[in-house]
Amino acid sequence: MPLRCPPPGPAHLVDLPARRLAGRTLWRVFQRHRGQPWYFASVRPHAPSTSGRFDLPAPLGACHLATTKTAAVLEALQDYGSGLLPDSALRRRAAARTDAPSTAPRAAHLTAAATRGVGVTAALWAGADRVCTQAWAYQLHRAGWLATYHGISHDPAGRLRAVTLFDGTGAHVPYDDPAWDGEHERLDDAGVRAGLARYGITVTRSDPELPLVDLDDAGLLEDTDR
């Protein structure tokens, strides 16, 4: 069965299974030139289909994280071509590692089996209908949820998990709580490359140094040019 759209109202979503976030390590990939990782995105009114999967209407916003560094990279860098990812894409970005503080809200546990009863399917985090998934996010927020725990769309094994936080739109730490700030790490390292390799993605050099071959030695020059 397809994902239920429109989603059920808040009264049907308020008692969903919950997942504790406090103490859990979360990752977010961001552009290094921005200096900080936090941004809560809102639905673009005239282009909802190109907005984020769980973006909310302004003045609300959504911030997407993952429970592993590899999952965060898979979601942030989605254009792998034929399994190749240029290393420049990694160098331009960093990963923020944060341990959710004790004040972190509980998340709607959308991968729990019981959520099938309200119409949840894997299409909620892996389907292409962004208008539908944004509607789900809005109804979950109306039901009082400030976070969701769900799968990611670029994991064919279906094992990796992500977290979406709901708050006001714009660049700020979650819930204006500085305890969410954590450490920043490089992405162009062996651990990231190994993690991507498990998903069939090879990190390639963006500026390959090809060996120079003398055209005369290669026999490519015409006799008149010798």
Protein backbone atom coordinates (compact mmCIF):
# COMPACT_ATOMS: atom_id res chain seq x y z
CA MET A 1 0.00 0.00 0.00
CA PRO A 2 1.26 3.54 -0.72
CA LEU A 3 1.95 6.11 1.96
CA ARG A 4 -1.28 7.57 3.28
CA CYS A 5 -1.91 11.04 1.84
CA PRO A 6 -3.23 13.26 3.16
CA PRO A 7 -1.88 12.06 6.51
CA PRO A 8 -4.08 11.53 9.56
CA GLY A 9 -4.74 14.47 11.84
CA PRO A 10 -2.85 15.24 15.05
CA ALA A 11 -5.24 13.27 17.24
CA HIS A 12 -4.12 10.06 15.51
CA LEU A 13 -0.40 10.89 15.75
CA VAL A 14 -0.01 12.12 19.31
CA ASP A 15 0.38 8.63 20.81
CA LEU A 16 2.91 7.20 18.35
CA PRO A 17 5.80 5.18 19.79
CA ALA A 18 8.60 7.46 20.97
CA ARG A 19 12.38 7.21 20.65
CA ARG A 20 14.68 8.77 23.25
CA LEU A 21 17.26 11.15 21.73
CA ALA A 22 19.03 12.37 24.88
CA GLY A 23 22.58 11.04 24.95
CA ARG A 24 22.47 9.76 21.36
CA THR A 25 25.28 10.79 19.02
CA LEU A 26 23.99 12.55 15.91
CA TRP A 27 25.73 13.80 12.78
CA ARG A 28 25.06 16.60 10.34
CA VAL A 29 27.00 17.39 7.16
CA PHE A 30 27.32 21.06 6.23
CA GLN A 31 29.20 23.41 3.91
CA ARG A 32 32.46 24.42 5.61
CA HIS A 33 32.28 28.02 4.42
CA ARG A 34 29.15 28.52 6.51
CA GLY A 35 31.14 28.00 9.69
CA GLN A 36 28.32 26.34 11.62
CA PRO A 37 26.05 23.39 10.87
CA TRP A 38 22.65 24.44 12.09
CA TYR A 39 19.89 25.45 9.73
CA PHE A 40 16.14 24.84 9.92
CA ALA A 41 14.64 24.90 6.44
CA SER A 42 11.12 25.91 5.51
CA VAL A 43 9.00 24.86 2.54
CA ARG A 44 9.44 27.13 -0.45
CA PRO A 45 5.82 28.21 -1.08
CA HIS A 46 6.11 28.19 -4.87
CA ALA A 47 8.31 25.07 -5.07
CA PRO A 48 7.35 22.59 -2.36
CA SER A 49 8.38 19.61 -4.50
CA THR A 50 11.99 20.84 -4.48
CA SER A 51 12.01 21.62 -0.75
CA GLY A 52 13.27 19.24 1.93
CA ARG A 53 11.42 16.03 2.68
CA PHE A 54 10.22 17.12 6.13
CA ASP A 55 10.44 20.90 5.75
CA LEU A 56 7.70 22.84 7.50
CA PRO A 57 5.88 26.00 6.44
CA ALA A 58 7.48 29.21 7.71
CA PRO A 59 7.96 30.40 10.38
CA LEU A 60 8.67 26.76 11.27
CA GLY A 61 11.61 24.77 9.93
CA ALA A 62 13.27 21.36 9.94
CA CYS A 63 16.89 20.31 10.50
CA HIS A 64 18.03 16.89 9.29
CA LEU A 65 20.65 14.74 11.04
CA ALA A 66 21.70 11.08 11.02
CA THR A 67 22.71 8.56 13.65
CA THR A 68 26.00 7.69 11.91
CA LYS A 69 28.54 9.72 9.98
CA THR A 70 28.14 7.51 6.92
CA ALA A 71 24.37 7.98 6.92
CA ALA A 72 24.81 11.76 7.13
CA VAL A 73 27.15 11.71 4.12
CA LEU A 74 24.84 9.46 2.08
CA GLU A 75 21.94 11.85 2.63
CA ALA A 76 23.86 15.08 2.12
CA LEU A 77 25.83 14.02 -0.99
CA GLN A 78 23.26 12.32 -3.17
CA ASP A 79 24.69 12.79 -6.66
CA TYR A 80 27.02 9.81 -6.94
CA GLY A 81 26.73 9.41 -10.69
CA SER A 82 27.71 5.81 -11.38
CA GLY A 83 29.04 5.16 -7.91
CA LEU A 84 31.75 7.83 -8.05
CA LEU A 85 32.06 10.81 -5.72
CA PRO A 86 34.74 13.49 -6.30
CA ASP A 87 36.88 14.17 -3.23
CA SER A 88 36.29 17.90 -3.69
CA ALA A 89 32.70 17.34 -2.55
CA LEU A 90 34.06 16.01 0.74
CA ARG A 91 36.66 18.76 1.15
CA ARG A 92 34.02 21.45 0.78
CA ARG A 93 32.05 20.02 3.68
CA ALA A 94 32.48 19.02 7.31
CA ALA A 95 30.56 16.84 9.74
CA ALA A 96 29.18 18.13 13.02
CA ARG A 97 29.11 15.50 15.75
CA THR A 98 26.79 16.24 18.65
CA ASP A 99 25.57 14.28 21.63
CA ALA A 100 21.92 15.19 22.09
CA PRO A 101 21.59 16.87 25.50
CA SER A 102 19.32 15.74 28.31
CA THR A 103 16.84 18.40 27.22
CA ALA A 104 16.42 16.82 23.77
CA PRO A 105 12.79 16.03 22.96
CA ARG A 106 11.58 12.52 22.38
CA ALA A 107 11.18 11.69 18.70
CA ALA A 108 8.25 10.11 16.94
CA HIS A 109 9.57 6.59 16.24
CA LEU A 110 8.45 6.27 12.62
CA THR A 111 10.27 2.99 11.97
CA ALA A 112 8.34 1.26 14.77
CA ALA A 113 6.03 -1.47 13.47
CA ALA A 114 3.01 0.08 15.20
CA THR A 115 3.12 3.16 12.96
CA ARG A 116 1.80 1.10 10.05
CA GLY A 117 -1.60 1.40 11.71
CA VAL A 118 -1.71 5.15 11.01
CA GLY A 119 -0.53 4.78 7.41
CA VAL A 120 3.27 5.00 7.64
CA THR A 121 5.33 3.18 5.01
CA ALA A 122 9.00 3.45 4.01
CA ALA A 123 7.87 5.95 1.36
CA LEU A 124 7.73 8.52 4.16
CA TRP A 125 11.55 8.71 4.09
CA ALA A 126 12.28 7.11 0.72
CA GLY A 127 9.45 8.18 -1.58
CA ALA A 128 9.47 10.98 -4.14
CA ASP A 129 6.30 12.84 -3.11
CA ARG A 130 7.72 15.73 -1.10
CA VAL A 131 4.37 17.48 -0.78
CA CYS A 132 2.99 14.40 0.97
CA THR A 133 5.97 13.95 3.30
CA GLN A 134 5.92 17.64 4.19
CA ALA A 135 2.24 17.26 5.09
CA TRP A 136 3.17 14.37 7.39
CA ALA A 137 5.84 16.50 9.06
CA TYR A 138 3.36 19.32 9.61
CA GLN A 139 0.74 17.04 11.16
CA LEU A 140 3.37 15.42 13.38
CA HIS A 141 4.43 18.87 14.58
CA ARG A 142 0.80 19.80 15.21
CA ALA A 143 0.52 16.63 17.30
CA GLY A 144 3.26 17.98 19.57
CA TRP A 145 6.30 16.16 18.20
CA LEU A 146 9.48 18.26 18.02
CA ALA A 147 11.53 15.50 16.38
CA THR A 148 11.15 12.38 14.28
CA TYR A 149 13.26 9.20 14.05
CA HIS A 150 13.15 7.51 10.66
CA GLY A 151 15.03 5.75 7.87
CA ILE A 152 17.05 7.35 5.08
CA SER A 153 16.30 7.18 1.40
CA HIS A 154 19.81 6.33 0.17
CA ASP A 155 20.33 3.14 2.18
CA PRO A 156 19.10 0.20 0.07
CA ALA A 157 19.57 -2.11 3.06
CA GLY A 158 17.08 -0.06 5.07
CA ARG A 159 19.15 -0.16 8.27
CA LEU A 160 20.50 3.38 8.66
CA ARG A 161 18.55 5.92 10.66
CA ALA A 162 18.09 9.67 10.70
CA VAL A 163 16.54 12.30 12.95
CA THR A 164 14.68 15.44 11.96
CA LEU A 165 14.30 18.28 14.46
CA PHE A 166 11.42 20.77 14.25
CA ASP A 167 11.92 24.37 15.41
CA GLY A 168 11.75 27.91 14.13
CA THR A 169 13.11 28.61 10.65
CA GLY A 170 16.65 29.86 10.05
CA ALA A 171 20.22 29.41 11.23
CA HIS A 172 20.39 28.68 14.96
CA VAL A 173 21.18 25.88 17.37
CA PRO A 174 18.23 23.57 18.07
CA TYR A 175 15.74 24.99 20.54
CA ASP A 176 18.21 27.83 21.29
CA ASP A 177 20.09 25.39 23.52
CA PRO A 178 23.90 25.72 23.19
CA ALA A 179 24.25 22.21 24.64
CA TRP A 180 23.51 20.92 21.12
CA ASP A 181 26.78 22.32 19.78
CA GLY A 182 29.47 19.70 19.31
CA GLU A 183 32.70 18.98 17.44
CA HIS A 184 33.38 19.47 13.75
CA GLU A 185 35.23 16.80 11.77
CA ARG A 186 36.68 16.57 8.29
CA LEU A 187 34.95 14.39 5.71
CA ASP A 188 37.90 13.57 3.45
CA ASP A 189 39.29 10.84 5.68
CA ALA A 190 39.76 7.08 5.50
CA GLY A 191 36.75 6.34 7.71
CA VAL A 192 34.33 8.17 5.43
CA ARG A 193 35.84 6.55 2.34
CA ALA A 194 35.51 3.10 3.88
CA GLY A 195 31.93 3.79 4.92
CA LEU A 196 30.98 4.92 1.42
CA ALA A 197 32.77 1.94 -0.12
CA ARG A 198 30.40 -0.38 1.74
CA TYR A 199 27.62 1.24 -0.28
CA GLY A 200 29.42 0.85 -3.60
CA ILE A 201 30.61 4.47 -3.75
CA THR A 202 34.23 5.23 -4.63
CA VAL A 203 35.78 8.58 -3.74
CA THR A 204 37.78 9.78 -6.75
CA ARG A 205 40.36 12.50 -7.16
CA SER A 206 38.99 15.77 -8.48
CA ASP A 207 42.41 16.84 -9.82
CA PRO A 208 44.06 13.69 -11.18
CA GLU A 209 47.75 13.99 -12.01
CA LEU A 210 48.05 12.06 -15.27
CA PRO A 211 51.54 10.98 -16.42
CA LEU A 212 52.96 13.04 -19.25
CA VAL A 213 53.77 11.09 -22.39
CA ASP A 214 56.12 12.43 -25.05
CA LEU A 215 54.21 12.39 -28.33
CA ASP A 216 57.33 11.48 -30.29
CA ASP A 217 58.02 8.49 -28.06
CA ALA A 218 54.40 7.43 -28.38
CA GLY A 219 54.67 7.40 -32.16
CA LEU A 220 51.81 9.86 -32.59
CA LEU A 221 53.63 12.53 -34.60
CA GLU A 222 53.57 12.55 -38.38
CA ASP A 223 56.88 11.92 -40.12
CA THR A 224 56.97 15.54 -41.39
CA ASP A 225 56.87 16.75 -37.76
CA ARG A 226 59.88 14.75 -36.59
